[in-house]
C-alpha cells in the first residue's frame, strides 16, 4: 500500500502542473452565416484539441475564433491576446461532405490557435512589442504547457486528405474606434488659417484668419480647436450694409479615416465668441458688441507632405442669428444658414 501511495503521490506531483494549466485557457467561438456548421460539434472538437473551455464572455483577454461563411468558402479569424496577434485562414468548405464540415472547421481553428501559441516557445522575447497590454502570465504558461502536452491532432476527413493546403495570412491587430492610434499618427498638427464666412441668403462675407491645432489620438476619432478673427460687410434684406468684426473660438470632435497620405474627417463642433457690428458711419449708440455662438457641422481634409508639412482644408455649416444693429425702438438681427471655408498650411512635427 505504501508503494502504491508513493507512486500515486509522485504521479500527482508530476502531472499537477498540466492539469492546473488547462483551466486558465479560455476560448470564445463565433459563427457567422454558417447554417451548415454544427456549433456544438465544433465546440466539442475544439475543447478536445486545445484542452480549453469554451465561454461566452466578451472580455478582451480571451482567445477569440470567428468563423465566417462566404458562400462555400470559410474565413477563420483568430484574435489571440496571449501572443498578441491576429491570424486569418481561408479554405473551401464545400470540398468536404456535410457530415465532415463541422469537424473540418474545428481542426482548422485548432491549428491556427496552436500556430499562434507556438510563438510563445519559438520567440519568447519579442524585439518589437505588439500593441496591447502584456498577456496574463498564467494564461501564457498554460498555452506553453498545452503545446508540450497536446496529443496528435484529429485527422482530416478522408475526402480532404489530399486537398491543397489552405492559405494562412498573418494580419495586423484589429483596430477599434476607441483604440489608441500608433505613435506616429498621434502627432499634434498646427496650421495657420485663411477663412471666409457667409450667409447663404445674404450678400457680403467675412474674411480673416487664425490658428488651429488638431490631433488623431484614437484610431477613428479626431479633435481640433482654433481661434479665428474675421471682418467684412453684410447686407440685410432691405440692402442696408453693416460692418461686422467677429472673433471666435472653435472646437470640433470628428470621426476620422486615414488613407495615407490623406486624412478625412467629419463631425460636429461649437463656435463662440464676440461680434462688433454697426451700419457705416453709425454713432456709438448704434454699435452692437455682444457675445454670440452656434453649434455646427464640420468637414476637413488633411494632406501630408514631406518634412512634416500639411495642407488642411475644412468647412463648417450652421444656422445662426447675428445681431448687427440696434436703435431705441428696434434691433436688427440677420438669421439664416451660415457656411465657411478655411485653408491652412502648417506642420505635423
Protein backbone atom coordinates (compact mmCIF):
# COMPACT_ATOMS: atom_id res chain seq x y z
CA UNK A 1 0.00 0.00 0.00
CA UNK A 2 2.81 2.38 0.84
CA UNK A 3 4.39 1.64 -2.53
CA UNK A 4 1.17 2.44 -4.41
CA UNK A 5 0.61 5.57 -2.34
CA UNK A 6 4.14 6.76 -3.15
CA UNK A 7 3.66 6.10 -6.86
CA UNK A 8 0.32 7.91 -6.84
CA UNK A 9 1.84 10.86 -4.99
CA UNK A 10 4.75 11.16 -7.41
CA UNK A 11 2.39 10.89 -10.37
CA UNK A 12 0.14 13.57 -8.99
CA UNK A 13 3.08 15.96 -8.39
CA UNK A 14 4.40 15.38 -11.92
CA UNK A 15 1.06 15.81 -13.69
CA UNK A 16 -0.46 18.52 -11.47
CA UNK A 17 1.06 21.45 -13.44
CA UNK A 18 -0.50 20.17 -16.65
CA UNK A 19 -3.93 19.85 -15.06
CA UNK A 20 -3.56 23.24 -13.36
CA UNK A 21 -2.62 24.96 -16.61
CA UNK A 22 -5.62 23.93 -18.65
CA UNK A 23 -8.38 25.75 -16.73
CA UNK A 24 -6.60 29.06 -17.41
CA UNK A 25 -7.19 28.75 -21.17
CA UNK A 26 -10.45 30.23 -22.36
CA UNK A 27 -11.78 30.32 -25.90
CA UNK A 28 -14.68 32.16 -27.47
CA UNK A 29 -16.24 30.84 -30.69
CA UNK A 30 -18.33 32.99 -33.04
CA UNK A 31 -20.06 31.50 -36.12
CA UNK A 32 -21.35 33.97 -38.71
CA UNK A 33 -23.65 32.95 -41.57
CA UNK A 34 -22.74 29.25 -41.31
CA UNK A 35 -26.01 27.27 -41.11
CA UNK A 36 -24.24 24.18 -42.50
CA UNK A 37 -21.87 24.04 -39.48
CA UNK A 38 -22.90 22.37 -36.20
CA UNK A 39 -21.76 24.70 -33.43
CA UNK A 40 -21.86 22.04 -30.71
CA UNK A 41 -19.66 19.70 -32.75
CA UNK A 42 -17.14 22.47 -33.40
CA UNK A 43 -17.03 23.34 -29.70
CA UNK A 44 -16.59 19.67 -28.72
CA UNK A 45 -13.63 19.14 -31.07
CA UNK A 46 -12.03 22.48 -30.12
CA UNK A 47 -12.22 21.67 -26.41
CA UNK A 48 -10.62 18.26 -27.03
CA UNK A 49 -7.88 19.54 -29.34
CA UNK A 50 -6.85 22.57 -27.28
CA UNK A 51 -7.60 21.45 -23.73
CA UNK A 52 -9.52 24.68 -23.22
CA UNK A 53 -13.03 25.58 -22.16
CA UNK A 54 -15.44 27.48 -24.41
CA UNK A 55 -17.05 30.50 -22.81
CA UNK A 56 -19.46 33.26 -23.76
CA UNK A 57 -17.68 36.23 -22.18
CA UNK A 58 -16.87 39.29 -24.28
CA UNK A 59 -13.70 40.27 -22.42
CA UNK A 60 -10.63 41.13 -24.47
CA UNK A 61 -8.35 38.65 -22.64
CA UNK A 62 -9.94 35.54 -24.19
CA UNK A 63 -8.68 33.96 -27.43
CA UNK A 64 -11.49 34.55 -29.94
CA UNK A 65 -12.21 32.42 -33.01
CA UNK A 66 -14.53 33.93 -35.63
CA UNK A 67 -15.70 31.59 -38.40
CA UNK A 68 -17.48 33.43 -41.22
CA UNK A 69 -19.01 31.67 -44.21
CA UNK A 70 -18.95 33.42 -47.60
CA UNK A 71 -20.86 31.07 -49.85
CA UNK A 72 -18.88 27.83 -50.00
CA UNK A 73 -15.74 29.48 -48.61
CA UNK A 74 -14.95 29.87 -44.94
CA UNK A 75 -12.82 32.61 -43.36
CA UNK A 76 -11.30 31.95 -39.94
CA UNK A 77 -10.01 34.84 -37.80
CA UNK A 78 -8.18 34.13 -34.54
CA UNK A 79 -7.55 37.09 -32.23
CA UNK A 80 -5.11 35.91 -29.57
CA UNK A 81 -4.34 38.18 -26.59
CA UNK A 82 -1.77 35.66 -25.31
CA UNK A 83 0.61 36.11 -28.28
CA UNK A 84 -0.95 39.50 -29.14
CA UNK A 85 -1.61 38.90 -32.83
CA UNK A 86 -4.38 38.08 -35.28
CA UNK A 87 -4.27 35.20 -37.78
CA UNK A 88 -6.56 34.52 -40.74
CA UNK A 89 -7.14 31.37 -42.76
CA UNK A 90 -9.37 30.80 -45.81
CA UNK A 91 -10.44 27.50 -47.34
CA UNK A 92 -13.21 25.91 -49.39
CA UNK A 93 -15.74 24.37 -47.05
CA UNK A 94 -17.68 22.91 -49.94
CA UNK A 95 -14.89 20.40 -50.63
CA UNK A 96 -15.99 18.43 -47.55
CA UNK A 97 -19.18 16.44 -47.26
CA UNK A 98 -21.89 17.71 -44.95
CA UNK A 99 -21.02 15.30 -42.07
CA UNK A 100 -17.35 16.38 -42.02
CA UNK A 101 -17.71 20.17 -42.31
CA UNK A 102 -18.07 20.90 -38.61
CA UNK A 103 -15.01 18.76 -37.79
CA UNK A 104 -13.05 20.46 -40.57
CA UNK A 105 -13.83 23.92 -39.15
CA UNK A 106 -12.76 22.82 -35.65
CA UNK A 107 -9.50 21.24 -36.89
CA UNK A 108 -8.58 24.32 -38.94
CA UNK A 109 -9.33 26.61 -36.00
CA UNK A 110 -7.27 24.41 -33.64
CA UNK A 111 -4.27 24.53 -36.00
CA UNK A 112 -4.50 28.30 -36.20
CA UNK A 113 -4.68 28.74 -32.42
CA UNK A 114 -1.75 26.36 -31.87
CA UNK A 115 0.27 28.20 -34.52
CA UNK A 116 -0.35 31.41 -32.60
CA UNK A 117 0.64 29.88 -29.26
CA UNK A 118 3.78 28.32 -30.79
CA UNK A 119 5.37 31.78 -30.94
CA UNK A 120 5.50 31.78 -27.13
CA UNK A 121 8.07 28.97 -27.38
CA UNK A 122 9.84 29.94 -30.59
CA UNK A 123 10.22 33.64 -29.83
CA UNK A 124 9.57 34.33 -26.13
CA UNK A 125 11.40 37.71 -26.08
CA UNK A 126 9.99 39.97 -28.77
CA UNK A 127 12.25 42.73 -30.06
CA UNK A 128 9.25 44.70 -31.34
CA UNK A 129 6.43 44.88 -28.77
CA UNK A 130 2.93 44.48 -30.28
CA UNK A 131 0.08 46.79 -29.37
CA UNK A 132 -1.99 45.93 -26.31
CA UNK A 133 -1.08 45.05 -22.76
CA UNK A 134 1.19 42.19 -21.75
CA UNK A 135 -0.61 38.81 -21.64
CA UNK A 136 -1.60 37.19 -18.38
CA UNK A 137 1.39 35.13 -17.19
CA UNK A 138 -0.79 32.22 -16.08
CA UNK A 139 -2.54 32.02 -19.44
CA UNK A 140 0.78 32.22 -21.32
CA UNK A 141 2.24 29.40 -19.26
CA UNK A 142 -0.91 27.35 -19.77
CA UNK A 143 -0.59 27.80 -23.54
CA UNK A 144 3.04 26.62 -23.44
CA UNK A 145 2.07 23.58 -21.42
CA UNK A 146 -0.72 22.81 -23.86
CA UNK A 147 1.78 22.84 -26.74
CA UNK A 148 4.10 20.42 -24.93
CA UNK A 149 1.38 18.00 -23.83
CA UNK A 150 -1.03 18.08 -26.76
CA UNK A 151 -1.99 14.77 -28.38
CA UNK A 152 -1.81 14.30 -32.17
CA UNK A 153 -4.38 16.41 -33.96
CA UNK A 154 -7.57 14.73 -35.15
CA UNK A 155 -7.05 13.51 -38.74
CA UNK A 156 -8.77 15.34 -41.54
CA UNK A 157 -11.89 13.86 -43.14
CA UNK A 158 -10.99 11.24 -45.77
CA UNK A 159 -12.32 13.33 -48.64
CA UNK A 160 -9.83 16.13 -47.80
CA UNK A 161 -6.75 14.00 -47.14
CA UNK A 162 -5.09 15.06 -50.41
CA UNK A 163 -6.59 18.53 -50.69
CA UNK A 164 -4.47 21.58 -51.42
CA UNK A 165 -3.25 23.28 -48.19
CA UNK A 166 -5.25 26.28 -47.10
CA UNK A 167 -3.69 29.73 -47.26
CA UNK A 168 -2.71 31.35 -43.96
CA UNK A 169 -2.33 35.10 -43.57
CA UNK A 170 -0.84 36.99 -40.63
CA UNK A 171 -2.75 40.22 -40.07
CA UNK A 172 -2.21 43.32 -38.02
CA UNK A 173 -4.31 43.54 -34.84
CA UNK A 174 -7.86 44.73 -35.39
CA UNK A 175 -8.29 48.40 -34.69
CA UNK A 176 -11.37 49.56 -32.83
CA UNK A 177 -12.73 53.07 -32.75
CA UNK A 178 -11.55 53.67 -29.19
CA UNK A 179 -8.14 52.07 -29.57
CA UNK A 180 -5.11 54.35 -29.38
CA UNK A 181 -3.52 55.33 -32.69
CA UNK A 182 0.06 54.50 -33.49
CA UNK A 183 2.54 56.99 -32.02
CA UNK A 184 3.40 58.41 -35.45
CA UNK A 185 -0.33 59.04 -36.07
CA UNK A 186 -0.87 60.88 -32.78
CA UNK A 187 1.35 63.83 -33.62
CA UNK A 188 -0.09 67.27 -32.90
CA UNK A 189 -0.93 69.28 -36.00
CA UNK A 190 -0.71 73.09 -36.09
CA UNK A 191 -1.81 75.19 -39.08
CA UNK A 192 -2.27 78.83 -39.91
CA UNK A 193 -5.69 79.51 -41.47
CA UNK A 194 -7.25 81.75 -44.09
CA UNK A 195 -11.03 81.90 -43.64
CA UNK A 196 -14.16 83.12 -45.45
CA UNK A 197 -17.65 83.05 -43.86
CA UNK A 198 -21.00 83.92 -45.45
CA UNK A 199 -24.78 83.76 -45.05
CA UNK A 200 -26.34 81.83 -47.92
CA UNK A 201 -29.32 84.24 -48.13
CA UNK A 202 -27.35 87.49 -47.74
CA UNK A 203 -24.84 89.47 -49.78
CA UNK A 204 -21.41 90.04 -48.35
CA UNK A 205 -18.94 87.91 -46.43
CA UNK A 206 -16.39 87.97 -43.63
CA UNK A 207 -12.71 87.36 -44.34
CA UNK A 208 -9.89 86.65 -41.93
CA UNK A 209 -7.66 84.00 -40.48
CA UNK A 210 -6.41 82.31 -37.38
CA UNK A 211 -4.65 79.30 -35.91
CA UNK A 212 -5.84 75.69 -35.49
CA UNK A 213 -4.48 72.71 -33.54
CA UNK A 214 -5.63 69.14 -34.12
CA UNK A 215 -4.80 65.51 -33.44
CA UNK A 216 -5.97 61.91 -34.01
CA UNK A 217 -5.38 60.30 -30.59
CA UNK A 218 -7.64 57.32 -31.36
CA UNK A 219 -7.87 55.15 -34.45
CA UNK A 220 -11.11 56.59 -35.84
CA UNK A 221 -11.55 59.88 -33.98
CA UNK A 222 -10.06 63.36 -34.14
CA UNK A 223 -10.28 66.70 -32.37
CA UNK A 224 -9.43 70.29 -33.31
CA UNK A 225 -9.51 73.69 -31.63
CA UNK A 226 -8.95 77.08 -33.24
CA UNK A 227 -9.22 80.82 -32.90
CA UNK A 228 -10.33 82.95 -35.87
CA UNK A 229 -10.75 86.70 -36.43
CA UNK A 230 -12.89 87.81 -39.40
CA UNK A 231 -14.10 91.14 -40.71
CA UNK A 232 -16.33 92.23 -43.57
CA UNK A 233 -19.61 93.69 -44.76
CA UNK A 234 -23.03 92.04 -44.79
CA UNK A 235 -26.32 93.31 -46.29
CA UNK A 236 -29.77 92.73 -44.81
CA UNK A 237 -32.97 92.05 -46.80
CA UNK A 238 -33.52 95.75 -47.48
CA UNK A 239 -29.99 96.17 -48.82
CA UNK A 240 -28.56 98.03 -45.84
CA UNK A 241 -24.89 97.31 -45.31
CA UNK A 242 -23.35 96.51 -41.94
CA UNK A 243 -19.69 96.44 -40.94
CA UNK A 244 -19.01 93.29 -38.89
CA UNK A 245 -15.96 92.20 -36.89
CA UNK A 246 -16.05 88.72 -35.37
CA UNK A 247 -13.66 86.89 -33.06
CA UNK A 248 -14.45 83.29 -32.17
CA UNK A 249 -13.07 80.15 -30.57
CA UNK A 250 -13.99 76.84 -32.21
CA UNK A 251 -13.86 73.21 -31.10
CA UNK A 252 -14.54 70.12 -33.24
CA UNK A 253 -14.97 66.42 -32.45
CA UNK A 254 -14.81 64.30 -35.61
CA UNK A 255 -14.72 60.80 -36.98
CA UNK A 256 -11.52 60.21 -38.97
CA UNK A 257 -10.47 57.91 -41.79
CA UNK A 258 -6.79 57.62 -42.70
CA UNK A 259 -5.98 56.94 -46.37
CA UNK A 260 -2.28 57.77 -46.47
CA UNK A 261 -1.23 60.46 -47.13
CA UNK A 262 -4.77 61.86 -46.69
CA UNK A 263 -6.87 62.09 -43.52
CA UNK A 264 -10.64 62.57 -43.97
CA UNK A 265 -12.85 63.82 -41.11
CA UNK A 266 -16.49 64.64 -40.43
CA UNK A 267 -18.15 65.64 -37.19
CA UNK A 268 -19.73 68.32 -35.04
CA UNK A 269 -18.49 71.34 -33.17
CA UNK A 270 -19.19 74.60 -31.41
CA UNK A 271 -18.07 78.13 -32.26
CA UNK A 272 -18.48 81.01 -29.84
CA UNK A 273 -17.03 84.46 -29.34
CA UNK A 274 -17.87 88.13 -29.74
CA UNK A 275 -19.15 90.27 -32.62
CA UNK A 276 -18.98 94.03 -33.11
CA UNK A 277 -21.22 95.44 -35.85
CA UNK A 278 -22.92 98.64 -36.96
CA UNK A 279 -24.08 100.48 -40.08
CA UNK A 280 -21.40 102.59 -41.81
CA UNK A 281 -20.81 106.00 -40.18
CA UNK A 282 -23.03 104.99 -37.28
CA UNK A 283 -22.97 106.76 -33.97
CA UNK A 284 -21.66 104.94 -30.91
CA UNK A 285 -25.20 104.12 -29.75
CA UNK A 286 -25.80 102.09 -32.95
CA UNK A 287 -22.75 99.87 -32.43
CA UNK A 288 -23.55 96.33 -31.27
CA UNK A 289 -20.94 94.44 -29.24
CA UNK A 290 -22.35 91.15 -27.98
CA UNK A 291 -21.27 87.56 -27.38
CA UNK A 292 -22.56 85.00 -29.86
CA UNK A 293 -22.12 81.34 -30.77
CA UNK A 294 -23.63 78.39 -32.59
CA UNK A 295 -23.34 74.59 -32.94
CA UNK A 296 -22.11 73.42 -36.33
CA UNK A 297 -21.33 70.56 -38.69
CA UNK A 298 -17.71 70.25 -39.82
CA UNK A 299 -15.73 68.55 -42.59
CA UNK A 300 -11.98 68.57 -43.08
CA UNK A 301 -9.24 67.01 -45.19
CA UNK A 302 -5.53 66.98 -44.38
CA UNK A 303 -2.89 66.20 -47.00
CA UNK A 304 0.51 65.29 -45.54
CA UNK A 305 3.68 66.24 -47.38
CA UNK A 306 7.38 65.77 -46.83
CA UNK A 307 9.18 67.19 -43.83
CA UNK A 308 6.04 67.21 -41.69
CA UNK A 309 4.29 69.88 -43.77
CA UNK A 310 0.50 69.57 -44.06
CA UNK A 311 -2.22 71.23 -46.14
CA UNK A 312 -5.53 71.48 -44.29
CA UNK A 313 -8.89 72.25 -46.00
CA UNK A 314 -12.04 72.45 -43.89
CA UNK A 315 -15.61 73.68 -43.92
CA UNK A 316 -18.39 74.47 -41.44
CA UNK A 317 -22.13 74.97 -41.66
CA UNK A 318 -24.83 76.07 -39.22
CA UNK A 319 -27.96 78.16 -38.70
CA UNK A 320 -27.22 81.33 -36.72
CA UNK A 321 -28.73 84.64 -35.66
CA UNK A 322 -26.35 87.59 -35.89
CA UNK A 323 -27.22 90.91 -34.16
CA UNK A 324 -25.82 93.71 -36.30
CA UNK A 325 -27.54 96.95 -35.23
CA UNK A 326 -29.94 98.37 -32.70
CA UNK A 327 -31.84 101.59 -32.02
CA UNK A 328 -34.07 102.86 -29.26
CA UNK A 329 -37.08 101.15 -30.87
CA UNK A 330 -35.82 98.09 -32.77
CA UNK A 331 -32.87 95.78 -33.22
CA UNK A 332 -31.63 94.26 -36.48
CA UNK A 333 -30.78 90.56 -36.48
CA UNK A 334 -29.62 88.60 -39.50
CA UNK A 335 -30.81 84.97 -39.48
CA UNK A 336 -30.04 82.12 -41.81
CA UNK A 337 -27.68 79.32 -42.82
CA UNK A 338 -24.08 80.29 -42.34
CA UNK A 339 -21.22 78.45 -44.12
CA UNK A 340 -17.48 78.93 -44.04
CA UNK A 341 -14.33 77.51 -45.58
CA UNK A 342 -10.79 77.52 -44.25
CA UNK A 343 -7.49 76.69 -45.90
CA UNK A 344 -4.42 76.19 -43.76
CA UNK A 345 -0.74 75.31 -44.08
CA UNK A 346 1.26 74.06 -41.14
CA UNK A 347 3.35 71.34 -39.54
CA UNK A 348 2.82 67.92 -38.02
CA UNK A 349 6.28 67.54 -36.37
